Amino acid sequence: MRNITLNVFVISGLLGFGGLYYYSGEVENHYKANADRYLKASLEKISSWEVSDLKSELGKETLAEVSDQQLQELTASYRHLGAFTDMDEPTFSRLSGALSILNHPPKLSYSSNVRFEHGSAIMTATLTLENQHFKYYNLNLGAPANN
């Protein structure tokens, strides 16, 4: 009897994880083209490193949590990078896709190598949807790894 219960539990877990993996792939395919376009266009706008440009791309939830002073400090810390020039194809986080089943609106995470006129960075971004348009829930530009 214990083996049957264990087998049912293992099979149920595998089906559940397989279903979430499939669902996350569908989420990735659904949003990919628009997310890629949004990331490039928004990084071009944000890389003016003006607080007003950054604020216009942040979601309501994020704006409720950060002060103008924090945004001022953030833009000042990234200003040395200069204007956005290019980025590698963003990598979608399948975990965020799977967890999007629990979030409305979904929060989708991407990462990419991003190039600016005076350097490069590793971007990690979590996007959310507001009125059928992407907005940043979270954005981080980190130092690229040394190869």
Protein backbone atom coordinates (compact mmCIF):
# COMPACT_ATOMS: atom_id res chain seq x y z
CA MET A 1 0.00 0.00 0.00
CA ARG A 2 2.86 2.41 0.82
CA ASN A 3 4.44 1.82 -2.60
CA ILE A 4 1.17 2.63 -4.39
CA THR A 5 0.78 5.87 -2.43
CA LEU A 6 4.38 6.82 -3.11
CA ASN A 7 4.01 6.01 -6.82
CA VAL A 8 0.83 8.11 -7.08
CA PHE A 9 2.58 10.98 -5.29
CA VAL A 10 5.66 10.82 -7.57
CA ILE A 11 3.57 10.55 -10.76
CA SER A 12 1.34 13.45 -9.65
CA GLY A 13 4.43 15.56 -8.92
CA LEU A 14 5.97 14.77 -12.29
CA LEU A 15 2.72 15.61 -14.10
CA GLY A 16 2.40 18.85 -12.14
CA PHE A 17 5.98 19.93 -12.90
CA GLY A 18 5.64 18.88 -16.52
CA GLY A 19 2.45 20.91 -16.81
CA LEU A 20 4.11 23.99 -15.30
CA TYR A 21 7.09 23.58 -17.63
CA TYR A 22 4.76 23.41 -20.63
CA TYR A 23 2.74 26.40 -19.36
CA SER A 24 5.89 28.50 -18.87
CA GLY A 25 6.90 27.76 -22.47
CA GLU A 26 3.50 28.95 -23.67
CA VAL A 27 3.87 32.14 -21.61
CA GLU A 28 7.33 32.73 -23.10
CA ASN A 29 6.05 32.29 -26.66
CA HIS A 30 3.04 34.52 -26.03
CA TYR A 31 5.04 37.51 -24.75
CA LYS A 32 8.44 37.09 -26.47
CA ALA A 33 8.19 39.46 -29.44
CA ASN A 34 6.50 42.26 -27.49
CA ALA A 35 8.82 41.90 -24.50
CA ASP A 36 11.93 42.04 -26.73
CA ARG A 37 10.64 45.20 -28.45
CA TYR A 38 9.67 46.79 -25.15
CA LEU A 39 13.02 46.11 -23.50
CA LYS A 40 14.95 47.70 -26.37
CA ALA A 41 12.68 50.73 -26.68
CA SER A 42 12.48 51.34 -22.95
CA LEU A 43 16.23 50.99 -22.41
CA GLU A 44 16.77 53.52 -25.17
CA LYS A 45 14.44 55.93 -23.38
CA ILE A 46 15.70 55.21 -19.85
CA SER A 47 19.34 55.66 -20.87
CA SER A 48 18.81 59.41 -20.93
CA TRP A 49 19.26 58.81 -17.19
CA GLU A 50 16.58 61.37 -16.35
CA VAL A 51 14.26 60.48 -13.47
CA SER A 52 11.16 61.44 -15.45
CA ASP A 53 12.06 58.99 -18.24
CA LEU A 54 12.67 56.19 -15.76
CA LYS A 55 9.44 56.92 -13.88
CA SER A 56 7.41 56.75 -17.09
CA GLU A 57 8.55 53.13 -17.56
CA LEU A 58 7.95 51.91 -14.00
CA GLY A 59 4.78 50.12 -12.97
CA LYS A 60 2.35 51.49 -10.38
CA GLU A 61 3.42 48.95 -7.75
CA THR A 62 7.04 49.99 -8.11
CA LEU A 63 6.30 53.71 -8.09
CA ALA A 64 4.37 53.25 -4.84
CA GLU A 65 7.47 51.75 -3.21
CA VAL A 66 10.30 54.02 -4.37
CA SER A 67 10.91 57.67 -3.66
CA ASP A 68 12.10 60.34 -6.08
CA GLN A 69 15.32 60.49 -4.06
CA GLN A 70 15.94 56.77 -4.63
CA LEU A 71 15.28 57.18 -8.36
CA GLN A 72 17.62 60.18 -8.45
CA GLU A 73 20.38 58.09 -6.84
CA LEU A 74 19.71 55.17 -9.18
CA THR A 75 19.90 57.24 -12.36
CA ALA A 76 23.05 58.96 -11.09
CA SER A 77 24.69 55.57 -10.48
CA TYR A 78 23.99 54.43 -14.06
CA ARG A 79 24.61 57.74 -15.87
CA HIS A 80 28.27 56.87 -16.57
CA LEU A 81 27.09 54.12 -18.95
CA GLY A 82 25.76 56.65 -21.46
CA ALA A 83 23.15 55.91 -24.10
CA PHE A 84 21.85 52.42 -24.84
CA THR A 85 23.27 50.96 -28.06
CA ASP A 86 22.36 47.25 -28.25
CA MET A 87 21.51 44.11 -26.34
CA ASP A 88 21.73 40.35 -26.76
CA GLU A 89 18.51 38.42 -27.11
CA PRO A 90 16.82 38.44 -23.69
CA THR A 91 16.66 35.14 -21.81
CA PHE A 92 13.27 34.40 -20.28
CA SER A 93 13.06 32.94 -16.77
CA ARG A 94 10.90 29.83 -17.02
CA LEU A 95 10.36 30.01 -13.26
CA SER A 96 8.71 33.44 -13.61
CA GLY A 97 6.60 32.00 -16.41
CA ALA A 98 5.46 29.12 -14.25
CA LEU A 99 4.76 31.43 -11.30
CA SER A 100 2.77 33.78 -13.52
CA ILE A 101 -0.10 31.33 -13.14
CA LEU A 102 -0.39 32.70 -9.58
CA ASN A 103 0.03 36.41 -10.42
CA HIS A 104 -2.38 38.76 -12.10
CA PRO A 105 -0.99 40.67 -13.83
CA PRO A 106 1.93 38.34 -14.57
CA LYS A 107 5.47 39.27 -13.57
CA LEU A 108 7.90 38.01 -16.21
CA SER A 109 11.66 38.05 -15.72
CA TYR A 110 14.30 38.49 -18.42
CA SER A 111 18.07 38.84 -18.45
CA SER A 112 20.50 39.94 -21.13
CA ASN A 113 23.88 41.46 -21.82
CA VAL A 114 23.27 45.13 -22.59
CA ARG A 115 25.67 47.55 -24.26
CA PHE A 116 25.83 51.30 -23.76
CA GLU A 117 28.08 53.88 -25.37
CA HIS A 118 30.52 53.80 -22.41
CA GLY A 119 30.31 50.21 -21.22
CA SER A 120 28.15 47.16 -20.82
CA ALA A 121 26.04 45.59 -18.10
CA ILE A 122 24.08 42.50 -17.24
CA MET A 123 20.41 43.45 -17.17
CA THR A 124 17.85 41.62 -15.10
CA ALA A 125 14.33 42.93 -15.49
CA THR A 126 10.94 41.88 -14.26
CA LEU A 127 8.10 43.16 -16.39
CA THR A 128 4.46 43.50 -15.46
CA LEU A 129 1.43 44.40 -17.56
CA GLU A 130 -0.60 47.57 -17.08
CA ASN A 131 -3.40 48.34 -19.52
CA GLN A 132 -2.01 45.75 -21.93
CA HIS A 133 1.44 47.46 -21.95
CA PHE A 134 4.65 46.35 -20.31
CA LYS A 135 6.09 48.31 -17.40
CA TYR A 136 9.09 47.57 -15.20
CA TYR A 137 8.35 45.95 -11.89
CA ASN A 138 12.09 45.68 -11.25
CA LEU A 139 15.22 46.62 -13.21
CA ASN A 140 18.85 46.02 -12.35
CA LEU A 141 22.02 46.67 -14.32
CA GLY A 142 24.98 44.81 -12.90
CA ALA A 143 28.63 44.62 -13.79
CA PRO A 144 29.34 42.03 -16.50
CA ALA A 145 31.36 38.97 -15.52
CA ASN A 146 35.03 39.06 -16.48
CA ASN A 147 35.91 36.37 -18.98
